[in-house]
Amino acid sequence: MKVGEGRIRLGGSADARARLRRYVLEPVKWGAGPLLWLVHGLAPARLWALDRPVFIVGCPRSGTTAFARLAGAHPDVVHWSEAGQVFQRRYYDADADHELSAEDL
């Protein structure tokens, strides 16, 4: 890792990096989420509670990643990278109707 870089650069071809991400890093990421939810209950709420969360949302290629990295460089800010790591997709019901009707209210 180079000084000042936030990520480790993977050597090899783009195909090898994609396979590493798909078969090694993705399962670790998906397995760590539920484990962290179990463990967070053991710690006092003041250690993991968010005081004033800020969500940076935007279109692709609009500068949101650059802004989030810039803000995340501050010692009082936590940058969680991408929303897929915060909101796990496997808990999202793609078949559910997410619209409210008058009967729902």
Protein backbone atom coordinates (compact mmCIF):
# COMPACT_ATOMS: atom_id res chain seq x y z
CA MET A 1 0.00 0.00 0.00
CA LYS A 2 1.36 3.41 -0.92
CA VAL A 3 1.50 6.17 1.65
CA GLY A 4 -1.66 8.26 1.50
CA GLU A 5 -3.71 5.62 -0.31
CA GLY A 6 -6.86 4.38 1.35
CA ARG A 7 -6.94 1.05 -0.44
CA ILE A 8 -4.54 -1.76 -1.14
CA ARG A 9 -3.81 -2.10 -4.84
CA LEU A 10 -4.26 -5.63 -6.14
CA GLY A 11 -1.74 -6.81 -8.68
CA GLY A 12 -2.48 -8.94 -11.71
CA SER A 13 -5.02 -8.63 -14.46
CA ALA A 14 -8.41 -6.99 -14.17
CA ASP A 15 -9.99 -10.44 -14.53
CA ALA A 16 -7.98 -11.80 -11.59
CA ARG A 17 -8.94 -8.80 -9.45
CA ALA A 18 -12.60 -9.26 -10.35
CA ARG A 19 -12.46 -12.95 -9.38
CA LEU A 20 -10.76 -12.10 -6.09
CA ARG A 21 -13.44 -9.52 -5.32
CA ARG A 22 -16.28 -11.87 -6.30
CA TYR A 23 -15.14 -15.07 -4.61
CA VAL A 24 -13.15 -13.81 -1.61
CA LEU A 25 -14.07 -10.28 -0.62
CA GLU A 26 -17.84 -10.43 -1.28
CA PRO A 27 -18.46 -13.51 0.95
CA VAL A 28 -16.41 -11.90 3.72
CA LYS A 29 -18.42 -8.69 3.42
CA TRP A 30 -21.78 -10.51 3.45
CA GLY A 31 -20.72 -12.72 6.37
CA ALA A 32 -19.38 -9.84 8.44
CA GLY A 33 -22.63 -7.84 8.35
CA PRO A 34 -24.81 -10.22 10.39
CA LEU A 35 -21.90 -10.91 12.75
CA LEU A 36 -21.46 -7.20 13.42
CA TRP A 37 -25.20 -6.86 14.12
CA LEU A 38 -24.90 -9.62 16.73
CA VAL A 39 -21.78 -8.15 18.34
CA HIS A 40 -23.02 -4.54 18.42
CA GLY A 41 -25.60 -5.52 21.04
CA LEU A 42 -22.79 -6.40 23.45
CA ALA A 43 -21.25 -2.92 23.32
CA PRO A 44 -22.77 0.09 25.09
CA ALA A 45 -25.03 2.08 22.77
CA ARG A 46 -22.90 5.20 23.15
CA LEU A 47 -20.05 3.43 21.32
CA TRP A 48 -21.98 2.66 18.14
CA ALA A 49 -24.93 5.06 18.12
CA LEU A 50 -24.89 7.73 15.42
CA ASP A 51 -25.43 11.21 16.75
CA ARG A 52 -26.32 12.96 13.49
CA PRO A 53 -25.96 10.68 10.46
CA VAL A 54 -25.47 12.26 7.05
CA PHE A 55 -26.18 10.30 3.89
CA ILE A 56 -24.49 11.43 0.69
CA VAL A 57 -26.68 10.45 -2.24
CA GLY A 58 -26.20 11.24 -5.91
CA CYS A 59 -26.11 9.99 -9.44
CA PRO A 60 -23.18 7.89 -10.68
CA ARG A 61 -20.11 9.90 -11.68
CA SER A 62 -21.40 13.04 -9.92
CA GLY A 63 -18.61 13.41 -7.36
CA THR A 64 -20.28 11.74 -4.38
CA THR A 65 -17.39 9.32 -3.82
CA ALA A 66 -14.81 12.12 -3.96
CA PHE A 67 -16.87 14.20 -1.53
CA ALA A 68 -17.38 11.26 0.84
CA ARG A 69 -13.64 10.48 0.85
CA LEU A 70 -12.84 14.13 1.49
CA ALA A 71 -15.31 14.30 4.37
CA GLY A 72 -14.14 10.91 5.66
CA ALA A 73 -10.62 12.25 6.05
CA HIS A 74 -11.82 14.27 9.05
CA PRO A 75 -11.16 12.43 12.36
CA ASP A 76 -14.75 12.95 13.58
CA VAL A 77 -16.35 11.50 10.43
CA VAL A 78 -16.82 7.84 9.54
CA HIS A 79 -16.98 7.00 5.84
CA TRP A 80 -18.70 3.67 5.16
CA SER A 81 -17.88 3.69 1.45
CA GLU A 82 -20.84 2.28 -0.47
CA ALA A 83 -24.42 1.80 0.67
CA GLY A 84 -24.28 -1.90 -0.20
CA GLN A 85 -22.01 -2.33 2.78
CA VAL A 86 -24.42 -0.54 5.11
CA PHE A 87 -27.77 -1.75 3.80
CA GLN A 88 -27.37 -5.37 2.84
CA ARG A 89 -29.27 -6.30 -0.28
CA ARG A 90 -30.24 -9.74 0.89
CA TYR A 91 -32.55 -8.17 3.50
CA TYR A 92 -34.37 -6.21 0.80
CA ASP A 93 -37.47 -7.95 -0.56
CA ALA A 94 -37.39 -7.19 -4.28
CA ASP A 95 -40.80 -8.84 -4.80
CA ALA A 96 -42.58 -6.74 -2.19
CA ASP A 97 -44.81 -3.86 -3.19
CA HIS A 98 -43.13 -0.80 -1.67
CA GLU A 99 -45.98 1.60 -2.41
CA LEU A 100 -48.47 2.75 0.20
CA SER A 101 -52.15 2.85 -0.63
CA ALA A 102 -54.99 4.58 1.24
CA GLU A 103 -55.77 1.26 2.94
CA ASP A 104 -52.22 1.04 4.31
CA LEU A 105 -52.56 4.35 6.13
